[in-house]
Amino acid sequence: MHALHMIIGIGLLFWLTWRANRGEFSSGYVAPIENFGLYWHFVDIVWIFLFALLYLVDRHP
């Protein structure tokens, strides 16, 4: 599941880079880049909690 979200995120990153190289963003229009940052950090935070719940909980006798 994490790999799927990483693949989506990397695809979005390349798409945003392509759009930025075309000059579609300005100092007043950066909403897609900010939304991508929120998505990327959301995946990171969710993975931190899921990793702890799936792999670290109940591992010690």
PDB file of N, CA and C in Angstrom:
ATOM      1  N   MET A   1       0.832  -1.187   0.000  1.00  0.00           N
ATOM      2  CA  MET A   1       0.000   0.000   0.000  1.00  0.00           C
ATOM      3  C   MET A   1       0.880   1.256   0.000  1.00  0.00           C
ATOM      4  N   HIS A   2       1.926   1.204   0.802  1.00  0.00           N
ATOM      5  CA  HIS A   2       2.823   2.364   0.846  1.00  0.00           C
ATOM      6  C   HIS A   2       3.494   2.564  -0.512  1.00  0.00           C
ATOM      7  N   ALA A   3       3.899   1.477  -1.139  1.00  0.00           N
ATOM      8  CA  ALA A   3       4.559   1.586  -2.447  1.00  0.00           C
ATOM      9  C   ALA A   3       3.616   2.199  -3.482  1.00  0.00           C
ATOM     10  N   LEU A   4       2.344   1.853  -3.424  1.00  0.00           N
ATOM     11  CA  LEU A   4       1.373   2.435  -4.353  1.00  0.00           C
ATOM     12  C   LEU A   4       1.302   3.948  -4.175  1.00  0.00           C
ATOM     13  N   HIS A   5       1.238   4.397  -2.933  1.00  0.00           N
ATOM     14  CA  HIS A   5       1.183   5.830  -2.689  1.00  0.00           C
ATOM     15  C   HIS A   5       2.482   6.526  -3.080  1.00  0.00           C
ATOM     16  N   MET A   6       3.601   5.843  -2.921  1.00  0.00           N
ATOM     17  CA  MET A   6       4.878   6.418  -3.345  1.00  0.00           C
ATOM     18  C   MET A   6       4.925   6.554  -4.864  1.00  0.00           C
ATOM     19  N   ILE A   7       4.449   5.558  -5.576  1.00  0.00           N
ATOM     20  CA  ILE A   7       4.427   5.614  -7.040  1.00  0.00           C
ATOM     21  C   ILE A   7       3.530   6.754  -7.511  1.00  0.00           C
ATOM     22  N   ILE A   8       2.367   6.898  -6.877  1.00  0.00           N
ATOM     23  CA  ILE A   8       1.470   8.006  -7.229  1.00  0.00           C
ATOM     24  C   ILE A   8       2.161   9.337  -6.960  1.00  0.00           C
ATOM     25  N   GLY A   9       2.807   9.453  -5.806  1.00  0.00           N
ATOM     26  CA  GLY A   9       3.493  10.691  -5.446  1.00  0.00           C
ATOM     27  C   GLY A   9       4.625  11.036  -6.391  1.00  0.00           C
ATOM     28  N   ILE A  10       5.403  10.051  -6.785  1.00  0.00           N
ATOM     29  CA  ILE A  10       6.503  10.298  -7.719  1.00  0.00           C
ATOM     30  C   ILE A  10       5.956  10.700  -9.087  1.00  0.00           C
ATOM     31  N   GLY A  11       4.868  10.069  -9.507  1.00  0.00           N
ATOM     32  CA  GLY A  11       4.226  10.461 -10.759  1.00  0.00           C
ATOM     33  C   GLY A  11       3.733  11.900 -10.716  1.00  0.00           C
ATOM     34  N   LEU A  12       3.110  12.285  -9.601  1.00  0.00           N
ATOM     35  CA  LEU A  12       2.666  13.676  -9.447  1.00  0.00           C
ATOM     36  C   LEU A  12       3.845  14.641  -9.439  1.00  0.00           C
ATOM     37  N   LEU A  13       4.923  14.234  -8.803  1.00  0.00           N
ATOM     38  CA  LEU A  13       6.111  15.087  -8.763  1.00  0.00           C
ATOM     39  C   LEU A  13       6.651  15.342 -10.167  1.00  0.00           C
ATOM     40  N   PHE A  14       6.737  14.306 -10.993  1.00  0.00           N
ATOM     41  CA  PHE A  14       7.201  14.494 -12.369  1.00  0.00           C
ATOM     42  C   PHE A  14       6.236  15.362 -13.177  1.00  0.00           C
ATOM     43  N   TRP A  15       4.930  15.161 -12.960  1.00  0.00           N
ATOM     44  CA  TRP A  15       3.924  15.956 -13.665  1.00  0.00           C
ATOM     45  C   TRP A  15       4.028  17.427 -13.277  1.00  0.00           C
ATOM     46  N   LEU A  16       4.199  17.706 -11.983  1.00  0.00           N
ATOM     47  CA  LEU A  16       4.336  19.092 -11.537  1.00  0.00           C
ATOM     48  C   LEU A  16       5.645  19.713 -12.033  1.00  0.00           C
ATOM     49  N   THR A  17       6.703  18.924 -12.082  1.00  0.00           N
ATOM     50  CA  THR A  17       7.976  19.425 -12.615  1.00  0.00           C
ATOM     51  C   THR A  17       7.828  19.782 -14.084  1.00  0.00           C
ATOM     52  N   TRP A  18       7.128  18.948 -14.834  1.00  0.00           N
ATOM     53  CA  TRP A  18       6.895  19.226 -16.253  1.00  0.00           C
ATOM     54  C   TRP A  18       6.098  20.516 -16.417  1.00  0.00           C
ATOM     55  N   ARG A  19       5.051  20.681 -15.598  1.00  0.00           N
ATOM     56  CA  ARG A  19       4.244  21.905 -15.669  1.00  0.00           C
ATOM     57  C   ARG A  19       5.055  23.134 -15.256  1.00  0.00           C
ATOM     58  N   ALA A  20       5.902  22.999 -14.256  1.00  0.00           N
ATOM     59  CA  ALA A  20       6.724  24.125 -13.805  1.00  0.00           C
ATOM     60  C   ALA A  20       7.714  24.528 -14.892  1.00  0.00           C
ATOM     61  N   ASN A  21       8.275  23.563 -15.589  1.00  0.00           N
ATOM     62  CA  ASN A  21       9.205  23.873 -16.680  1.00  0.00           C
ATOM     63  C   ASN A  21       8.510  24.590 -17.831  1.00  0.00           C
ATOM     64  N   ARG A  22       7.212  24.366 -17.983  1.00  0.00           N
ATOM     65  CA  ARG A  22       6.445  25.062 -19.018  1.00  0.00           C
ATOM     66  C   ARG A  22       6.039  26.464 -18.578  1.00  0.00           C
ATOM     67  N   GLY A  23       6.288  26.805 -17.302  1.00  0.00           N
ATOM     68  CA  GLY A  23       5.982  28.140 -16.795  1.00  0.00           C
ATOM     69  C   GLY A  23       4.535  28.334 -16.378  1.00  0.00           C
ATOM     70  N   GLU A  24       3.863  27.262 -15.981  1.00  0.00           N
ATOM     71  CA  GLU A  24       2.450  27.367 -15.618  1.00  0.00           C
ATOM     72  C   GLU A  24       2.224  27.918 -14.211  1.00  0.00           C
ATOM     73  N   PHE A  25       3.259  28.006 -13.407  1.00  0.00           N
ATOM     74  CA  PHE A  25       3.107  28.494 -12.042  1.00  0.00           C
ATOM     75  C   PHE A  25       3.747  29.868 -11.908  1.00  0.00           C
ATOM     76  N   SER A  26       3.157  30.676 -11.035  1.00  0.00           N
ATOM     77  CA  SER A  26       3.712  31.999 -10.745  1.00  0.00           C
ATOM     78  C   SER A  26       3.712  32.186  -9.236  1.00  0.00           C
ATOM     79  N   SER A  27       4.164  33.342  -8.789  1.00  0.00           N
ATOM     80  CA  SER A  27       4.202  33.586  -7.349  1.00  0.00           C
ATOM     81  C   SER A  27       2.794  33.639  -6.754  1.00  0.00           C
ATOM     82  N   GLY A  28       1.780  33.871  -7.563  1.00  0.00           N
ATOM     83  CA  GLY A  28       0.407  33.913  -7.074  1.00  0.00           C
ATOM     84  C   GLY A  28      -0.360  32.618  -7.267  1.00  0.00           C
ATOM     85  N   TYR A  29       0.186  31.690  -8.040  1.00  0.00           N
ATOM     86  CA  TYR A  29      -0.509  30.439  -8.309  1.00  0.00           C
ATOM     87  C   TYR A  29       0.428  29.262  -8.059  1.00  0.00           C
ATOM     88  N   VAL A  30       0.356  28.742  -6.873  1.00  0.00           N
ATOM     89  CA  VAL A  30       1.178  27.581  -6.507  1.00  0.00           C
ATOM     90  C   VAL A  30       0.347  26.513  -5.795  1.00  0.00           C
ATOM     91  N   ALA A  31      -0.968  26.581  -5.914  1.00  0.00           N
ATOM     92  CA  ALA A  31      -1.853  25.650  -5.207  1.00  0.00           C
ATOM     93  C   ALA A  31      -1.554  24.174  -5.520  1.00  0.00           C
ATOM     94  N   PRO A  32      -1.311  23.786  -6.781  1.00  0.00           N
ATOM     95  CA  PRO A  32      -1.012  22.372  -7.036  1.00  0.00           C
ATOM     96  C   PRO A  32       0.263  21.903  -6.323  1.00  0.00           C
ATOM     97  N   ILE A  33       1.248  22.757  -6.238  1.00  0.00           N
ATOM     98  CA  ILE A  33       2.492  22.386  -5.566  1.00  0.00           C
ATOM     99  C   ILE A  33       2.256  22.248  -4.062  1.00  0.00           C
ATOM    100  N   GLU A  34       1.484  23.157  -3.481  1.00  0.00           N
ATOM    101  CA  GLU A  34       1.174  23.068  -2.058  1.00  0.00           C
ATOM    102  C   GLU A  34       0.346  21.817  -1.763  1.00  0.00           C
ATOM    103  N   ASN A  35      -0.614  21.507  -2.618  1.00  0.00           N
ATOM    104  CA  ASN A  35      -1.427  20.306  -2.419  1.00  0.00           C
ATOM    105  C   ASN A  35      -0.589  19.040  -2.525  1.00  0.00           C
ATOM    106  N   PHE A  36       0.367  19.031  -3.440  1.00  0.00           N
ATOM    107  CA  PHE A  36       1.263  17.886  -3.550  1.00  0.00           C
ATOM    108  C   PHE A  36       2.076  17.725  -2.270  1.00  0.00           C
ATOM    109  N   GLY A  37       2.567  18.820  -1.717  1.00  0.00           N
ATOM    110  CA  GLY A  37       3.316  18.764  -0.465  1.00  0.00           C
ATOM    111  C   GLY A  37       2.471  18.211   0.671  1.00  0.00           C
ATOM    112  N   LEU A  38       1.211  18.624   0.739  1.00  0.00           N
ATOM    113  CA  LEU A  38       0.310  18.094   1.765  1.00  0.00           C
ATOM    114  C   LEU A  38       0.089  16.595   1.581  1.00  0.00           C
ATOM    115  N   TYR A  39      -0.092  16.167   0.329  1.00  0.00           N
ATOM    116  CA  TYR A  39      -0.277  14.745   0.044  1.00  0.00           C
ATOM    117  C   TYR A  39       0.949  13.945   0.469  1.00  0.00           C
ATOM    118  N   TRP A  40       2.123  14.430   0.103  1.00  0.00           N
ATOM    119  CA  TRP A  40       3.367  13.713   0.385  1.00  0.00           C
ATOM    120  C   TRP A  40       3.581  13.569   1.888  1.00  0.00           C
ATOM    121  N   HIS A  41       3.333  14.633   2.639  1.00  0.00           N
ATOM    122  CA  HIS A  41       3.512  14.569   4.086  1.00  0.00           C
ATOM    123  C   HIS A  41       2.423  13.716   4.745  1.00  0.00           C
ATOM    124  N   PHE A  42       1.236  13.728   4.190  1.00  0.00           N
ATOM    125  CA  PHE A  42       0.176  12.857   4.708  1.00  0.00           C
ATOM    126  C   PHE A  42       0.585  11.395   4.571  1.00  0.00           C
ATOM    127  N   VAL A  43       1.127  11.000   3.435  1.00  0.00           N
ATOM    128  CA  VAL A  43       1.580   9.623   3.236  1.00  0.00           C
ATOM    129  C   VAL A  43       2.679   9.295   4.243  1.00  0.00           C
ATOM    130  N   ASP A  44       3.608  10.215   4.465  1.00  0.00           N
ATOM    131  CA  ASP A  44       4.682   9.984   5.431  1.00  0.00           C
ATOM    132  C   ASP A  44       4.134   9.770   6.838  1.00  0.00           C
ATOM    133  N   ILE A  45       3.228  10.628   7.266  1.00  0.00           N
ATOM    134  CA  ILE A  45       2.703  10.532   8.628  1.00  0.00           C
ATOM    135  C   ILE A  45       1.889   9.262   8.806  1.00  0.00           C
ATOM    136  N   VAL A  46       1.047   8.941   7.835  1.00  0.00           N
ATOM    137  CA  VAL A  46       0.260   7.713   7.931  1.00  0.00           C
ATOM    138  C   VAL A  46       1.181   6.501   7.983  1.00  0.00           C
ATOM    139  N   TRP A  47       2.240   6.491   7.183  1.00  0.00           N
ATOM    140  CA  TRP A  47       3.149   5.353   7.174  1.00  0.00           C
ATOM    141  C   TRP A  47       3.865   5.204   8.505  1.00  0.00           C
ATOM    142  N   ILE A  48       4.212   6.296   9.160  1.00  0.00           N
ATOM    143  CA  ILE A  48       4.871   6.217  10.467  1.00  0.00           C
ATOM    144  C   ILE A  48       3.964   5.483  11.450  1.00  0.00           C
ATOM    145  N   PHE A  49       2.686   5.828  11.486  1.00  0.00           N
ATOM    146  CA  PHE A  49       1.764   5.168  12.403  1.00  0.00           C
ATOM    147  C   PHE A  49       1.484   3.725  11.982  1.00  0.00           C
ATOM    148  N   LEU A  50       1.309   3.496  10.693  1.00  0.00           N
ATOM    149  CA  LEU A  50       1.052   2.129  10.239  1.00  0.00           C
ATOM    150  C   LEU A  50       2.249   1.221  10.490  1.00  0.00           C
ATOM    151  N   PHE A  51       3.456   1.739  10.272  1.00  0.00           N
ATOM    152  CA  PHE A  51       4.653   0.937  10.531  1.00  0.00           C
ATOM    153  C   PHE A  51       4.680   0.516  11.993  1.00  0.00           C
ATOM    154  N   ALA A  52       4.423   1.465  12.879  1.00  0.00           N
ATOM    155  CA  ALA A  52       4.429   1.146  14.305  1.00  0.00           C
ATOM    156  C   ALA A  52       3.349   0.121  14.636  1.00  0.00           C
ATOM    157  N   LEU A  53       2.162   0.300  14.098  1.00  0.00           N
ATOM    158  CA  LEU A  53       1.072  -0.625  14.418  1.00  0.00           C
ATOM    159  C   LEU A  53       1.281  -2.011  13.812  1.00  0.00           C
ATOM    160  N   LEU A  54       1.786  -2.071  12.603  1.00  0.00           N
ATOM    161  CA  LEU A  54       1.907  -3.359  11.919  1.00  0.00           C
ATOM    162  C   LEU A  54       3.149  -4.145  12.298  1.00  0.00           C
ATOM    163  N   TYR A  55       4.250  -3.452  12.586  1.00  0.00           N
ATOM    164  CA  TYR A  55       5.515  -4.146  12.751  1.00  0.00           C
ATOM    165  C   TYR A  55       6.105  -4.073  14.151  1.00  0.00           C
ATOM    166  N   LEU A  56       5.737  -3.087  14.921  1.00  0.00           N
ATOM    167  CA  LEU A  56       6.380  -2.925  16.222  1.00  0.00           C
ATOM    168  C   LEU A  56       5.499  -3.309  17.397  1.00  0.00           C
ATOM    169  N   VAL A  57       4.196  -3.263  17.247  1.00  0.00           N
ATOM    170  CA  VAL A  57       3.297  -3.592  18.341  1.00  0.00           C
ATOM    171  C   VAL A  57       3.278  -5.110  18.528  1.00  0.00           C
ATOM    172  N   ASP A  58       3.377  -5.524  19.754  1.00  0.00           N
ATOM    173  CA  ASP A  58       3.323  -6.944  20.140  1.00  0.00           C
ATOM    174  C   ASP A  58       4.469  -7.764  19.571  1.00  0.00           C
ATOM    175  N   ARG A  59       5.653  -7.188  19.493  1.00  0.00           N
ATOM    176  CA  ARG A  59       6.826  -7.934  19.026  1.00  0.00           C
ATOM    177  C   ARG A  59       7.677  -8.456  20.176  1.00  0.00           C
ATOM    178  N   HIS A  60       7.436  -7.968  21.388  1.00  0.00           N
ATOM    179  CA  HIS A  60       8.219  -8.389  22.542  1.00  0.00           C
ATOM    180  C   HIS A  60       7.386  -9.316  23.414  1.00  0.00           C
ATOM    181  N   PRO A  61       7.976 -10.440  23.845  1.00  0.00           N
ATOM    182  CA  PRO A  61       7.218 -11.389  24.680  1.00  0.00           C
ATOM    183  C   PRO A  61       6.934 -10.828  26.066  1.00  0.00           C
TER     184      PRO A  61
END
